[in-house]
Amino acid sequence: MDPEKIMTGISKEIEATLKALGKAKTAEEKLMHSETVKNLCESLGVFLNLMSEMVPYDEDVDDKSIPF
């Protein structure tokens, strides 16, 4: 699956969960939503790290040869 599509989906889920967190009334609901946001942000971080590691190998970004 395309990492960019996954990141977009996770970002949309984060937005939706943050909206739900804002509407939550009880402490339990707020805790549940905040844990969900935390997990989604950590998942998004995995893909951002993956993308940053892949950038040196992206031919569109760098036309120079790899020095090794």
N, C-alpha and C. Protein backbone atom coordinates (compact mmCIF):
# COMPACT_ATOMS: atom_id res chain seq x y z
N MET A 1 0.84 -1.18 0.00
CA MET A 1 0.00 0.00 0.00
C MET A 1 0.89 1.24 0.00
N ASP A 2 0.39 2.30 -0.57
CA ASP A 2 1.13 3.55 -0.71
C ASP A 2 1.27 4.24 0.65
N PRO A 3 2.51 4.52 1.09
CA PRO A 3 2.71 5.16 2.39
C PRO A 3 2.03 6.52 2.50
N GLU A 4 1.96 7.26 1.41
CA GLU A 4 1.31 8.57 1.46
C GLU A 4 -0.19 8.44 1.73
N LYS A 5 -0.82 7.43 1.15
CA LYS A 5 -2.25 7.20 1.41
C LYS A 5 -2.46 6.80 2.86
N ILE A 6 -1.56 5.99 3.39
CA ILE A 6 -1.67 5.58 4.79
C ILE A 6 -1.52 6.80 5.69
N MET A 7 -0.55 7.65 5.41
CA MET A 7 -0.33 8.84 6.23
C MET A 7 -1.53 9.79 6.15
N THR A 8 -2.11 9.92 4.99
CA THR A 8 -3.30 10.76 4.84
C THR A 8 -4.46 10.20 5.65
N GLY A 9 -4.64 8.89 5.60
CA GLY A 9 -5.70 8.25 6.37
C GLY A 9 -5.50 8.41 7.86
N ILE A 10 -4.27 8.23 8.32
CA ILE A 10 -3.98 8.40 9.74
C ILE A 10 -4.23 9.84 10.16
N SER A 11 -3.83 10.79 9.33
CA SER A 11 -4.04 12.21 9.64
C SER A 11 -5.53 12.53 9.77
N LYS A 12 -6.33 11.98 8.89
CA LYS A 12 -7.78 12.20 8.96
C LYS A 12 -8.36 11.58 10.23
N GLU A 13 -7.87 10.41 10.61
CA GLU A 13 -8.33 9.77 11.84
C GLU A 13 -7.93 10.60 13.06
N ILE A 14 -6.74 11.19 13.03
CA ILE A 14 -6.31 12.05 14.14
C ILE A 14 -7.25 13.24 14.26
N GLU A 15 -7.57 13.88 13.13
CA GLU A 15 -8.48 15.02 13.15
C GLU A 15 -9.85 14.64 13.71
N ALA A 16 -10.38 13.52 13.25
CA ALA A 16 -11.70 13.08 13.71
C ALA A 16 -11.68 12.76 15.21
N THR A 17 -10.61 12.14 15.66
CA THR A 17 -10.52 11.78 17.07
C THR A 17 -10.34 13.02 17.94
N LEU A 18 -9.60 14.01 17.44
CA LEU A 18 -9.46 15.26 18.19
C LEU A 18 -10.80 15.99 18.32
N LYS A 19 -11.60 15.95 17.27
CA LYS A 19 -12.94 16.55 17.34
C LYS A 19 -13.80 15.82 18.36
N ALA A 20 -13.71 14.49 18.36
CA ALA A 20 -14.46 13.70 19.33
C ALA A 20 -13.96 13.98 20.74
N LEU A 21 -12.67 14.18 20.89
CA LEU A 21 -12.10 14.51 22.20
C LEU A 21 -12.65 15.83 22.70
N GLY A 22 -12.79 16.79 21.82
CA GLY A 22 -13.35 18.08 22.20
C GLY A 22 -14.79 18.00 22.64
N LYS A 23 -15.53 17.02 22.13
CA LYS A 23 -16.93 16.86 22.48
C LYS A 23 -17.15 15.91 23.66
N ALA A 24 -16.10 15.24 24.10
CA ALA A 24 -16.22 14.26 25.18
C ALA A 24 -16.61 14.95 26.48
N LYS A 25 -17.48 14.30 27.24
CA LYS A 25 -17.98 14.87 28.49
C LYS A 25 -17.29 14.28 29.71
N THR A 26 -17.10 12.98 29.72
CA THR A 26 -16.56 12.33 30.91
C THR A 26 -15.05 12.16 30.81
N ALA A 27 -14.44 11.97 31.95
CA ALA A 27 -12.98 11.76 31.99
C ALA A 27 -12.60 10.48 31.27
N GLU A 28 -13.45 9.46 31.36
CA GLU A 28 -13.16 8.19 30.69
C GLU A 28 -13.15 8.36 29.18
N GLU A 29 -14.12 9.11 28.66
CA GLU A 29 -14.17 9.36 27.22
C GLU A 29 -12.95 10.16 26.77
N LYS A 30 -12.59 11.17 27.55
CA LYS A 30 -11.42 11.99 27.20
C LYS A 30 -10.15 11.16 27.23
N LEU A 31 -10.02 10.28 28.22
CA LEU A 31 -8.85 9.41 28.31
C LEU A 31 -8.78 8.47 27.10
N MET A 32 -9.92 7.89 26.74
CA MET A 32 -9.96 6.97 25.61
C MET A 32 -9.53 7.69 24.32
N HIS A 33 -10.07 8.88 24.08
CA HIS A 33 -9.74 9.62 22.87
C HIS A 33 -8.29 10.10 22.88
N SER A 34 -7.80 10.51 24.04
CA SER A 34 -6.42 10.99 24.10
C SER A 34 -5.43 9.85 23.86
N GLU A 35 -5.75 8.65 24.36
CA GLU A 35 -4.89 7.49 24.09
C GLU A 35 -4.92 7.12 22.61
N THR A 36 -6.09 7.25 22.00
CA THR A 36 -6.21 6.97 20.57
C THR A 36 -5.38 7.96 19.76
N VAL A 37 -5.45 9.24 20.12
CA VAL A 37 -4.66 10.26 19.42
C VAL A 37 -3.18 9.97 19.58
N LYS A 38 -2.77 9.60 20.79
CA LYS A 38 -1.36 9.29 21.04
C LYS A 38 -0.90 8.14 20.15
N ASN A 39 -1.69 7.08 20.09
CA ASN A 39 -1.32 5.92 19.27
C ASN A 39 -1.28 6.26 17.78
N LEU A 40 -2.25 7.04 17.32
CA LEU A 40 -2.26 7.44 15.92
C LEU A 40 -1.06 8.32 15.58
N CYS A 41 -0.71 9.23 16.49
CA CYS A 41 0.45 10.09 16.24
C CYS A 41 1.74 9.29 16.21
N GLU A 42 1.85 8.28 17.07
CA GLU A 42 3.03 7.42 17.04
C GLU A 42 3.08 6.64 15.72
N SER A 43 1.94 6.18 15.26
CA SER A 43 1.89 5.46 13.98
C SER A 43 2.28 6.38 12.83
N LEU A 44 1.80 7.61 12.86
CA LEU A 44 2.16 8.57 11.82
C LEU A 44 3.66 8.85 11.86
N GLY A 45 4.22 8.90 13.05
CA GLY A 45 5.66 9.10 13.19
C GLY A 45 6.47 8.01 12.53
N VAL A 46 5.98 6.78 12.60
CA VAL A 46 6.67 5.66 11.95
C VAL A 46 6.76 5.91 10.45
N PHE A 47 5.67 6.34 9.84
CA PHE A 47 5.68 6.59 8.40
C PHE A 47 6.51 7.82 8.04
N LEU A 48 6.49 8.84 8.89
CA LEU A 48 7.32 10.01 8.62
C LEU A 48 8.80 9.65 8.68
N ASN A 49 9.18 8.82 9.64
CA ASN A 49 10.57 8.36 9.71
C ASN A 49 10.93 7.53 8.49
N LEU A 50 10.01 6.67 8.07
CA LEU A 50 10.24 5.86 6.88
C LEU A 50 10.46 6.75 5.67
N MET A 51 9.62 7.75 5.51
CA MET A 51 9.74 8.65 4.37
C MET A 51 11.06 9.42 4.42
N SER A 52 11.47 9.85 5.60
CA SER A 52 12.73 10.61 5.70
C SER A 52 13.92 9.72 5.39
N GLU A 53 13.83 8.44 5.71
CA GLU A 53 14.91 7.51 5.39
C GLU A 53 14.95 7.20 3.90
N MET A 54 13.81 7.28 3.23
CA MET A 54 13.75 6.95 1.81
C MET A 54 14.17 8.12 0.92
N VAL A 55 14.14 9.34 1.42
CA VAL A 55 14.44 10.52 0.62
C VAL A 55 15.80 10.45 -0.06
N PRO A 56 16.87 10.00 0.62
CA PRO A 56 18.16 9.95 -0.09
C PRO A 56 18.16 9.03 -1.32
N TYR A 57 17.21 8.12 -1.39
CA TYR A 57 17.15 7.17 -2.49
C TYR A 57 16.12 7.54 -3.54
N ASP A 58 15.45 8.67 -3.36
CA ASP A 58 14.42 9.11 -4.29
C ASP A 58 15.07 9.80 -5.49
N GLU A 59 14.92 9.24 -6.66
CA GLU A 59 15.56 9.77 -7.86
C GLU A 59 15.01 11.14 -8.25
N ASP A 60 13.75 11.42 -7.91
CA ASP A 60 13.15 12.69 -8.27
C ASP A 60 13.76 13.85 -7.47
N VAL A 61 14.16 13.59 -6.26
CA VAL A 61 14.69 14.63 -5.39
C VAL A 61 16.16 14.90 -5.67
N ASP A 62 16.92 13.86 -5.91
CA ASP A 62 18.36 14.00 -6.04
C ASP A 62 18.83 13.30 -7.31
N ASP A 63 19.33 14.07 -8.25
CA ASP A 63 19.81 13.49 -9.50
C ASP A 63 21.26 13.04 -9.42
N LYS A 64 21.92 13.31 -8.31
CA LYS A 64 23.31 12.93 -8.14
C LYS A 64 23.40 11.43 -7.84
N SER A 65 24.54 10.87 -8.11
CA SER A 65 24.73 9.46 -7.81
C SER A 65 24.98 9.28 -6.31
N ILE A 66 24.63 8.13 -5.81
CA ILE A 66 24.85 7.81 -4.40
C ILE A 66 26.34 7.56 -4.20
N PRO A 67 26.95 8.17 -3.18
CA PRO A 67 28.41 8.13 -3.04
C PRO A 67 29.00 6.81 -2.57
N PHE A 68 28.25 5.77 -2.43
CA PHE A 68 28.83 4.50 -1.98
C PHE A 68 28.65 3.40 -2.97
